[in-house]
């Protein structure tokens, strides 16, 4: 199985979506390398970055599910590093 390293950038504008977001991230926890969250209280948003090492379809599925949450925006940046496991 080939895996890629990627960063998923997430901006949460609707705090009601945080529970669902955390549930999704928990479901993909075995692929997540690290997570950083920054609450930007003055602007009422949360900024989260997820480092992930997973097959391409897993990264795309997670990013797509996150992007469908109400009040949540996401972008994914892929590295050129592909690993055979």
PDB file of N, CA and C in Angstrom:
ATOM      1  N   UNK A   1       0.844  -1.177   0.000  1.00  0.00           N
ATOM      2  CA  UNK A   1       0.000   0.000   0.000  1.00  0.00           C
ATOM      3  C   UNK A   1       0.894   1.246   0.000  1.00  0.00           C
ATOM      4  N   UNK A   2       0.611   2.171  -0.897  1.00  0.00           N
ATOM      5  CA  UNK A   2       1.364   3.415  -0.975  1.00  0.00           C
ATOM      6  C   UNK A   2       0.684   4.484  -0.117  1.00  0.00           C
ATOM      7  N   UNK A   3       1.497   5.226   0.641  1.00  0.00           N
ATOM      8  CA  UNK A   3       0.959   6.320   1.443  1.00  0.00           C
ATOM      9  C   UNK A   3       1.643   7.620   1.063  1.00  0.00           C
ATOM     10  N   UNK A   4       0.951   8.710   1.348  1.00  0.00           N
ATOM     11  CA  UNK A   4       1.495  10.052   1.102  1.00  0.00           C
ATOM     12  C   UNK A   4       1.423  10.847   2.390  1.00  0.00           C
ATOM     13  N   UNK A   5       2.269  11.837   2.470  1.00  0.00           N
ATOM     14  CA  UNK A   5       2.240  12.766   3.588  1.00  0.00           C
ATOM     15  C   UNK A   5       1.522  14.019   3.109  1.00  0.00           C
ATOM     16  N   UNK A   6       0.628  14.527   3.947  1.00  0.00           N
ATOM     17  CA  UNK A   6      -0.136  15.717   3.576  1.00  0.00           C
ATOM     18  C   UNK A   6      -0.439  16.537   4.821  1.00  0.00           C
ATOM     19  N   UNK A   7      -0.799  17.780   4.575  1.00  0.00           N
ATOM     20  CA  UNK A   7      -1.279  18.683   5.617  1.00  0.00           C
ATOM     21  C   UNK A   7      -2.697  19.076   5.238  1.00  0.00           C
ATOM     22  N   UNK A   8      -3.616  18.919   6.186  1.00  0.00           N
ATOM     23  CA  UNK A   8      -4.990  19.369   5.971  1.00  0.00           C
ATOM     24  C   UNK A   8      -5.190  20.609   6.839  1.00  0.00           C
ATOM     25  N   UNK A   9      -5.441  21.742   6.183  1.00  0.00           N
ATOM     26  CA  UNK A   9      -5.719  22.992   6.886  1.00  0.00           C
ATOM     27  C   UNK A   9      -7.224  23.153   7.040  1.00  0.00           C
ATOM     28  N   UNK A  10      -7.661  23.464   8.258  1.00  0.00           N
ATOM     29  CA  UNK A  10      -9.093  23.546   8.552  1.00  0.00           C
ATOM     30  C   UNK A  10      -9.394  24.866   9.258  1.00  0.00           C
ATOM     31  N   UNK A  11     -10.446  25.540   8.824  1.00  0.00           N
ATOM     32  CA  UNK A  11     -10.935  26.733   9.519  1.00  0.00           C
ATOM     33  C   UNK A  11     -12.382  26.459   9.912  1.00  0.00           C
ATOM     34  N   UNK A  12     -12.640  26.552  11.217  1.00  0.00           N
ATOM     35  CA  UNK A  12     -13.971  26.287  11.748  1.00  0.00           C
ATOM     36  C   UNK A  12     -14.609  27.618  12.137  1.00  0.00           C
ATOM     37  N   UNK A  13     -15.696  27.962  11.465  1.00  0.00           N
ATOM     38  CA  UNK A  13     -16.434  29.189  11.762  1.00  0.00           C
ATOM     39  C   UNK A  13     -17.707  28.909  12.558  1.00  0.00           C
ATOM     40  N   UNK A  14     -18.186  27.666  12.521  1.00  0.00           N
ATOM     41  CA  UNK A  14     -19.401  27.279  13.241  1.00  0.00           C
ATOM     42  C   UNK A  14     -19.017  26.295  14.346  1.00  0.00           C
ATOM     43  N   UNK A  15     -19.016  26.749  15.587  1.00  0.00           N
ATOM     44  CA  UNK A  15     -18.591  25.903  16.706  1.00  0.00           C
ATOM     45  C   UNK A  15     -19.495  24.689  16.889  1.00  0.00           C
ATOM     46  N   UNK A  16     -20.709  24.723  16.354  1.00  0.00           N
ATOM     47  CA  UNK A  16     -21.598  23.571  16.446  1.00  0.00           C
ATOM     48  C   UNK A  16     -21.077  22.379  15.643  1.00  0.00           C
ATOM     49  N   UNK A  17     -20.134  22.603  14.748  1.00  0.00           N
ATOM     50  CA  UNK A  17     -19.563  21.527  13.935  1.00  0.00           C
ATOM     51  C   UNK A  17     -18.328  20.886  14.578  1.00  0.00           C
ATOM     52  N   UNK A  18     -17.865  21.432  15.691  1.00  0.00           N
ATOM     53  CA  UNK A  18     -16.630  20.944  16.312  1.00  0.00           C
ATOM     54  C   UNK A  18     -16.761  19.498  16.779  1.00  0.00           C
ATOM     55  N   UNK A  19     -17.883  19.130  17.355  1.00  0.00           N
ATOM     56  CA  UNK A  19     -18.071  17.757  17.822  1.00  0.00           C
ATOM     57  C   UNK A  19     -17.987  16.753  16.689  1.00  0.00           C
ATOM     58  N   UNK A  20     -18.646  17.044  15.590  1.00  0.00           N
ATOM     59  CA  UNK A  20     -18.610  16.163  14.425  1.00  0.00           C
ATOM     60  C   UNK A  20     -17.204  16.103  13.843  1.00  0.00           C
ATOM     61  N   UNK A  21     -16.521  17.246  13.800  1.00  0.00           N
ATOM     62  CA  UNK A  21     -15.142  17.287  13.307  1.00  0.00           C
ATOM     63  C   UNK A  21     -14.245  16.405  14.165  1.00  0.00           C
ATOM     64  N   UNK A  22     -14.348  16.527  15.476  1.00  0.00           N
ATOM     65  CA  UNK A  22     -13.518  15.713  16.363  1.00  0.00           C
ATOM     66  C   UNK A  22     -13.823  14.222  16.209  1.00  0.00           C
ATOM     67  N   UNK A  23     -15.077  13.876  15.981  1.00  0.00           N
ATOM     68  CA  UNK A  23     -15.441  12.479  15.746  1.00  0.00           C
ATOM     69  C   UNK A  23     -14.778  11.963  14.477  1.00  0.00           C
ATOM     70  N   UNK A  24     -14.807  12.761  13.418  1.00  0.00           N
ATOM     71  CA  UNK A  24     -14.146  12.375  12.167  1.00  0.00           C
ATOM     72  C   UNK A  24     -12.644  12.175  12.371  1.00  0.00           C
ATOM     73  N   UNK A  25     -12.011  13.119  13.049  1.00  0.00           N
ATOM     74  CA  UNK A  25     -10.572  13.016  13.275  1.00  0.00           C
ATOM     75  C   UNK A  25     -10.239  11.786  14.118  1.00  0.00           C
ATOM     76  N   UNK A  26     -11.089  11.451  15.064  1.00  0.00           N
ATOM     77  CA  UNK A  26     -10.878  10.261  15.883  1.00  0.00           C
ATOM     78  C   UNK A  26     -10.964   8.996  15.023  1.00  0.00           C
ATOM     79  N   UNK A  27     -11.876   8.975  14.052  1.00  0.00           N
ATOM     80  CA  UNK A  27     -12.026   7.818  13.168  1.00  0.00           C
ATOM     81  C   UNK A  27     -10.776   7.587  12.319  1.00  0.00           C
ATOM     82  N   UNK A  28     -10.052   8.656  12.015  1.00  0.00           N
ATOM     83  CA  UNK A  28      -8.848   8.567  11.184  1.00  0.00           C
ATOM     84  C   UNK A  28      -7.563   8.698  12.016  1.00  0.00           C
ATOM     85  N   UNK A  29      -7.666   8.525  13.316  1.00  0.00           N
ATOM     86  CA  UNK A  29      -6.529   8.748  14.227  1.00  0.00           C
ATOM     87  C   UNK A  29      -5.307   7.906  13.898  1.00  0.00           C
ATOM     88  N   UNK A  30      -5.506   6.707  13.366  1.00  0.00           N
ATOM     89  CA  UNK A  30      -4.356   5.843  13.082  1.00  0.00           C
ATOM     90  C   UNK A  30      -3.470   6.403  11.966  1.00  0.00           C
ATOM     91  N   UNK A  31      -3.989   7.327  11.169  1.00  0.00           N
ATOM     92  CA  UNK A  31      -3.224   7.937  10.077  1.00  0.00           C
ATOM     93  C   UNK A  31      -2.641   9.301  10.457  1.00  0.00           C
ATOM     94  N   UNK A  32      -3.161   9.909  11.504  1.00  0.00           N
ATOM     95  CA  UNK A  32      -2.764  11.275  11.862  1.00  0.00           C
ATOM     96  C   UNK A  32      -1.437  11.269  12.601  1.00  0.00           C
ATOM     97  N   UNK A  33      -0.487  12.052  12.078  1.00  0.00           N
ATOM     98  CA  UNK A  33       0.837  12.181  12.677  1.00  0.00           C
ATOM     99  C   UNK A  33       0.780  13.197  13.818  1.00  0.00           C
ATOM    100  N   UNK A  34       0.097  14.302  13.586  1.00  0.00           N
ATOM    101  CA  UNK A  34       0.001  15.357  14.589  1.00  0.00           C
ATOM    102  C   UNK A  34      -1.102  16.335  14.253  1.00  0.00           C
ATOM    103  N   UNK A  35      -1.475  17.105  15.264  1.00  0.00           N
ATOM    104  CA  UNK A  35      -2.577  18.053  15.115  1.00  0.00           C
ATOM    105  C   UNK A  35      -2.246  19.303  15.923  1.00  0.00           C
ATOM    106  N   UNK A  36      -2.542  20.463  15.331  1.00  0.00           N
ATOM    107  CA  UNK A  36      -2.343  21.726  16.045  1.00  0.00           C
ATOM    108  C   UNK A  36      -3.603  22.559  15.880  1.00  0.00           C
ATOM    109  N   UNK A  37      -4.132  23.038  16.980  1.00  0.00           N
ATOM    110  CA  UNK A  37      -5.319  23.871  16.938  1.00  0.00           C
ATOM    111  C   UNK A  37      -5.054  25.226  17.565  1.00  0.00           C
ATOM    112  N   UNK A  38      -5.537  26.260  16.918  1.00  0.00           N
ATOM    113  CA  UNK A  38      -5.357  27.625  17.399  1.00  0.00           C
ATOM    114  C   UNK A  38      -6.721  28.295  17.462  1.00  0.00           C
ATOM    115  N   UNK A  39      -7.216  28.592  18.662  1.00  0.00           N
ATOM    116  CA  UNK A  39      -8.467  29.344  18.748  1.00  0.00           C
ATOM    117  C   UNK A  39      -8.181  30.826  18.522  1.00  0.00           C
ATOM    118  N   UNK A  40      -8.840  31.417  17.554  1.00  0.00           N
ATOM    119  CA  UNK A  40      -8.674  32.834  17.269  1.00  0.00           C
ATOM    120  C   UNK A  40      -9.946  33.518  17.768  1.00  0.00           C
ATOM    121  N   UNK A  41      -9.964  33.754  19.058  1.00  0.00           N
ATOM    122  CA  UNK A  41     -11.176  34.230  19.733  1.00  0.00           C
ATOM    123  C   UNK A  41     -11.665  35.583  19.222  1.00  0.00           C
ATOM    124  N   UNK A  42     -10.743  36.466  18.875  1.00  0.00           N
ATOM    125  CA  UNK A  42     -11.142  37.795  18.406  1.00  0.00           C
ATOM    126  C   UNK A  42     -11.972  37.725  17.125  1.00  0.00           C
ATOM    127  N   UNK A  43     -11.722  36.712  16.317  1.00  0.00           N
ATOM    128  CA  UNK A  43     -12.434  36.558  15.046  1.00  0.00           C
ATOM    129  C   UNK A  43     -13.489  35.452  15.105  1.00  0.00           C
ATOM    130  N   UNK A  44     -13.591  34.779  16.253  1.00  0.00           N
ATOM    131  CA  UNK A  44     -14.578  33.715  16.456  1.00  0.00           C
ATOM    132  C   UNK A  44     -14.406  32.559  15.478  1.00  0.00           C
ATOM    133  N   UNK A  45     -13.145  32.176  15.238  1.00  0.00           N
ATOM    134  CA  UNK A  45     -12.837  31.017  14.401  1.00  0.00           C
ATOM    135  C   UNK A  45     -11.783  30.163  15.101  1.00  0.00           C
ATOM    136  N   UNK A  46     -11.712  28.921  14.688  1.00  0.00           N
ATOM    137  CA  UNK A  46     -10.661  28.019  15.141  1.00  0.00           C
ATOM    138  C   UNK A  46      -9.886  27.560  13.918  1.00  0.00           C
ATOM    139  N   UNK A  47      -8.571  27.553  14.032  1.00  0.00           N
ATOM    140  CA  UNK A  47      -7.694  27.167  12.934  1.00  0.00           C
ATOM    141  C   UNK A  47      -6.995  25.874  13.355  1.00  0.00           C
ATOM    142  N   UNK A  48      -7.124  24.849  12.527  1.00  0.00           N
ATOM    143  CA  UNK A  48      -6.563  23.543  12.857  1.00  0.00           C
ATOM    144  C   UNK A  48      -5.726  23.060  11.676  1.00  0.00           C
ATOM    145  N   UNK A  49      -4.567  22.488  11.989  1.00  0.00           N
ATOM    146  CA  UNK A  49      -3.783  21.836  10.939  1.00  0.00           C
ATOM    147  C   UNK A  49      -3.545  20.388  11.356  1.00  0.00           C
ATOM    148  N   UNK A  50      -3.691  19.505  10.391  1.00  0.00           N
ATOM    149  CA  UNK A  50      -3.537  18.072  10.611  1.00  0.00           C
ATOM    150  C   UNK A  50      -2.429  17.565   9.693  1.00  0.00           C
ATOM    151  N   UNK A  51      -1.412  16.926  10.281  1.00  0.00           N
ATOM    152  CA  UNK A  51      -0.384  16.245   9.484  1.00  0.00           C
ATOM    153  C   UNK A  51      -0.801  14.782   9.406  1.00  0.00           C
ATOM    154  N   UNK A  52      -0.815  14.233   8.192  1.00  0.00           N
ATOM    155  CA  UNK A  52      -1.343  12.881   7.981  1.00  0.00           C
ATOM    156  C   UNK A  52      -0.440  12.104   7.039  1.00  0.00           C
ATOM    157  N   UNK A  53      -0.301  10.811   7.287  1.00  0.00           N
ATOM    158  CA  UNK A  53       0.431   9.892   6.412  1.00  0.00           C
ATOM    159  C   UNK A  53      -0.526   8.741   6.125  1.00  0.00           C
ATOM    160  N   UNK A  54      -1.098   8.723   4.926  1.00  0.00           N
ATOM    161  CA  UNK A  54      -2.151   7.762   4.600  1.00  0.00           C
ATOM    162  C   UNK A  54      -2.214   7.555   3.094  1.00  0.00           C
ATOM    163  N   UNK A  55      -2.938   6.512   2.661  1.00  0.00           N
ATOM    164  CA  UNK A  55      -3.176   6.359   1.221  1.00  0.00           C
ATOM    165  C   UNK A  55      -3.936   7.561   0.673  1.00  0.00           C
ATOM    166  N   UNK A  56      -3.716   7.854  -0.582  1.00  0.00           N
ATOM    167  CA  UNK A  56      -4.332   9.020  -1.240  1.00  0.00           C
ATOM    168  C   UNK A  56      -5.850   9.042  -1.051  1.00  0.00           C
ATOM    169  N   UNK A  57      -6.504   7.902  -1.214  1.00  0.00           N
ATOM    170  CA  UNK A  57      -7.965   7.881  -1.105  1.00  0.00           C
ATOM    171  C   UNK A  57      -8.449   8.160   0.319  1.00  0.00           C
ATOM    172  N   UNK A  58      -7.667   7.773   1.316  1.00  0.00           N
ATOM    173  CA  UNK A  58      -8.027   8.051   2.708  1.00  0.00           C
ATOM    174  C   UNK A  58      -7.921   9.550   2.993  1.00  0.00           C
ATOM    175  N   UNK A  59      -6.850  10.166   2.512  1.00  0.00           N
ATOM    176  CA  UNK A  59      -6.672  11.613   2.704  1.00  0.00           C
ATOM    177  C   UNK A  59      -7.809  12.372   2.022  1.00  0.00           C
ATOM    178  N   UNK A  60      -8.117  11.990   0.793  1.00  0.00           N
ATOM    179  CA  UNK A  60      -9.197  12.655   0.058  1.00  0.00           C
ATOM    180  C   UNK A  60     -10.543  12.466   0.744  1.00  0.00           C
ATOM    181  N   UNK A  61     -10.798  11.264   1.254  1.00  0.00           N
ATOM    182  CA  UNK A  61     -12.068  10.995   1.938  1.00  0.00           C
ATOM    183  C   UNK A  61     -12.207  11.850   3.192  1.00  0.00           C
ATOM    184  N   UNK A  62     -11.157  11.908   3.997  1.00  0.00           N
ATOM    185  CA  UNK A  62     -11.209  12.711   5.219  1.00  0.00           C
ATOM    186  C   UNK A  62     -11.397  14.183   4.888  1.00  0.00           C
ATOM    187  N   UNK A  63     -10.623  14.693   3.961  1.00  0.00           N
ATOM    188  CA  UNK A  63     -10.730  16.097   3.575  1.00  0.00           C
ATOM    189  C   UNK A  63     -12.122  16.422   3.042  1.00  0.00           C
ATOM    190  N   UNK A  64     -12.677  15.530   2.242  1.00  0.00           N
ATOM    191  CA  UNK A  64     -14.017  15.730   1.692  1.00  0.00           C
ATOM    192  C   UNK A  64     -15.084  15.741   2.771  1.00  0.00           C
ATOM    193  N   UNK A  65     -14.985  14.819   3.726  1.00  0.00           N
ATOM    194  CA  UNK A  65     -15.953  14.768   4.828  1.00  0.00           C
ATOM    195  C   UNK A  65     -15.879  16.021   5.686  1.00  0.00           C
ATOM    196  N   UNK A  66     -14.663  16.487   5.938  1.00  0.00           N
ATOM    197  CA  UNK A  66     -14.496  17.713   6.735  1.00  0.00           C
ATOM    198  C   UNK A  66     -15.092  18.901   5.982  1.00  0.00           C
ATOM    199  N   UNK A  67     -14.820  18.982   4.692  1.00  0.00           N
ATOM    200  CA  UNK A  67     -15.302  20.094   3.880  1.00  0.00           C
ATOM    201  C   UNK A  67     -16.815  20.170   3.764  1.00  0.00           C
ATOM    202  N   UNK A  68     -17.499  19.059   3.991  1.00  0.00           N
ATOM    203  CA  UNK A  68     -18.957  19.051   3.925  1.00  0.00           C
ATOM    204  C   UNK A  68     -19.624  19.494   5.230  1.00  0.00           C
ATOM    205  N   UNK A  69     -18.838  19.679   6.277  1.00  0.00           N
ATOM    206  CA  UNK A  69     -19.408  20.134   7.545  1.00  0.00           C
ATOM    207  C   UNK A  69     -19.823  21.602   7.433  1.00  0.00           C
ATOM    208  N   UNK A  70     -20.921  21.946   8.058  1.00  0.00           N
ATOM    209  CA  UNK A  70     -21.430  23.317   8.018  1.00  0.00           C
ATOM    210  C   UNK A  70     -20.451  24.262   8.730  1.00  0.00           C
ATOM    211  N   UNK A  71     -20.094  25.341   8.066  1.00  0.00           N
ATOM    212  CA  UNK A  71     -19.229  26.352   8.676  1.00  0.00           C
ATOM    213  C   UNK A  71     -17.780  25.943   8.799  1.00  0.00           C
ATOM    214  N   UNK A  72     -17.362  24.945   8.009  1.00  0.00           N
ATOM    215  CA  UNK A  72     -15.976  24.462   8.054  1.00  0.00           C
ATOM    216  C   UNK A  72     -15.394  24.524   6.650  1.00  0.00           C
ATOM    217  N   UNK A  73     -14.182  25.100   6.536  1.00  0.00           N
ATOM    218  CA  UNK A  73     -13.461  25.160   5.263  1.00  0.00           C
ATOM    219  C   UNK A  73     -12.187  24.341   5.398  1.00  0.00           C
ATOM    220  N   UNK A  74     -11.765  23.716   4.313  1.00  0.00           N
ATOM    221  CA  UNK A  74     -10.555  22.898   4.367  1.00  0.00           C
ATOM    222  C   UNK A  74      -9.792  22.967   3.044  1.00  0.00           C
ATOM    223  N   UNK A  75      -8.486  22.830   3.142  1.00  0.00           N
ATOM    224  CA  UNK A  75      -7.592  22.721   1.985  1.00  0.00           C
ATOM    225  C   UNK A  75      -6.535  21.688   2.335  1.00  0.00           C
ATOM    226  N   UNK A  76      -6.115  20.932   1.342  1.00  0.00           N
ATOM    227  CA  UNK A  76      -5.113  19.900   1.565  1.00  0.00           C
ATOM    228  C   UNK A  76      -3.903  20.165   0.679  1.00  0.00           C
ATOM    229  N   UNK A  77      -2.729  20.065   1.274  1.00  0.00           N
ATOM    230  CA  UNK A  77      -1.462  20.190   0.536  1.00  0.00           C
ATOM    231  C   UNK A  77      -0.719  18.858   0.660  1.00  0.00           C
ATOM    232  N   UNK A  78      -0.318  18.308  -0.476  1.00  0.00           N
ATOM    233  CA  UNK A  78       0.342  17.013  -0.513  1.00  0.00           C
ATOM    234  C   UNK A  78       1.854  17.168  -0.710  1.00  0.00           C
ATOM    235  N   UNK A  79       2.618  16.330  -0.033  1.00  0.00           N
ATOM    236  CA  UNK A  79       4.055  16.299  -0.294  1.00  0.00           C
ATOM    237  C   UNK A  79       4.307  15.345  -1.463  1.00  0.00           C
ATOM    238  N   UNK A  80       5.480  15.403  -1.997  1.00  0.00           N
ATOM    239  CA  UNK A  80       5.850  14.493  -3.070  1.00  0.00           C
ATOM    240  C   UNK A  80       6.344  13.150  -2.538  1.00  0.00           C
ATOM    241  N   UNK A  81       6.399  13.012  -1.221  1.00  0.00           N
ATOM    242  CA  UNK A  81       6.906  11.790  -0.612  1.00  0.00           C
ATOM    243  C   UNK A  81       5.817  10.713  -0.655  1.00  0.00           C
ATOM    244  N   UNK A  82       6.131   9.621  -1.361  1.00  0.00           N
ATOM    245  CA  UNK A  82       5.240   8.462  -1.432  1.00  0.00           C
ATOM    246  C   UNK A  82       6.007   7.287  -0.861  1.00  0.00           C
ATOM    247  N   UNK A  83       5.380   6.596   0.089  1.00  0.00           N
ATOM    248  CA  UNK A  83       6.048   5.475   0.764  1.00  0.00           C
ATOM    249  C   UNK A  83       5.272   4.193   0.493  1.00  0.00           C
ATOM    250  N   UNK A  84       6.002   3.131   0.259  1.00  0.00           N
ATOM    251  CA  UNK A  84       5.387   1.813   0.079  1.00  0.00           C
ATOM    252  C   UNK A  84       5.428   1.095   1.412  1.00  0.00           C
ATOM    253  N   UNK A  85       4.265   0.686   1.906  1.00  0.00           N
ATOM    254  CA  UNK A  85       4.223  -0.022   3.192  1.00  0.00           C
ATOM    255  C   UNK A  85       3.838  -1.460   2.988  1.00  0.00           C
TER     256      UNK A  85
END
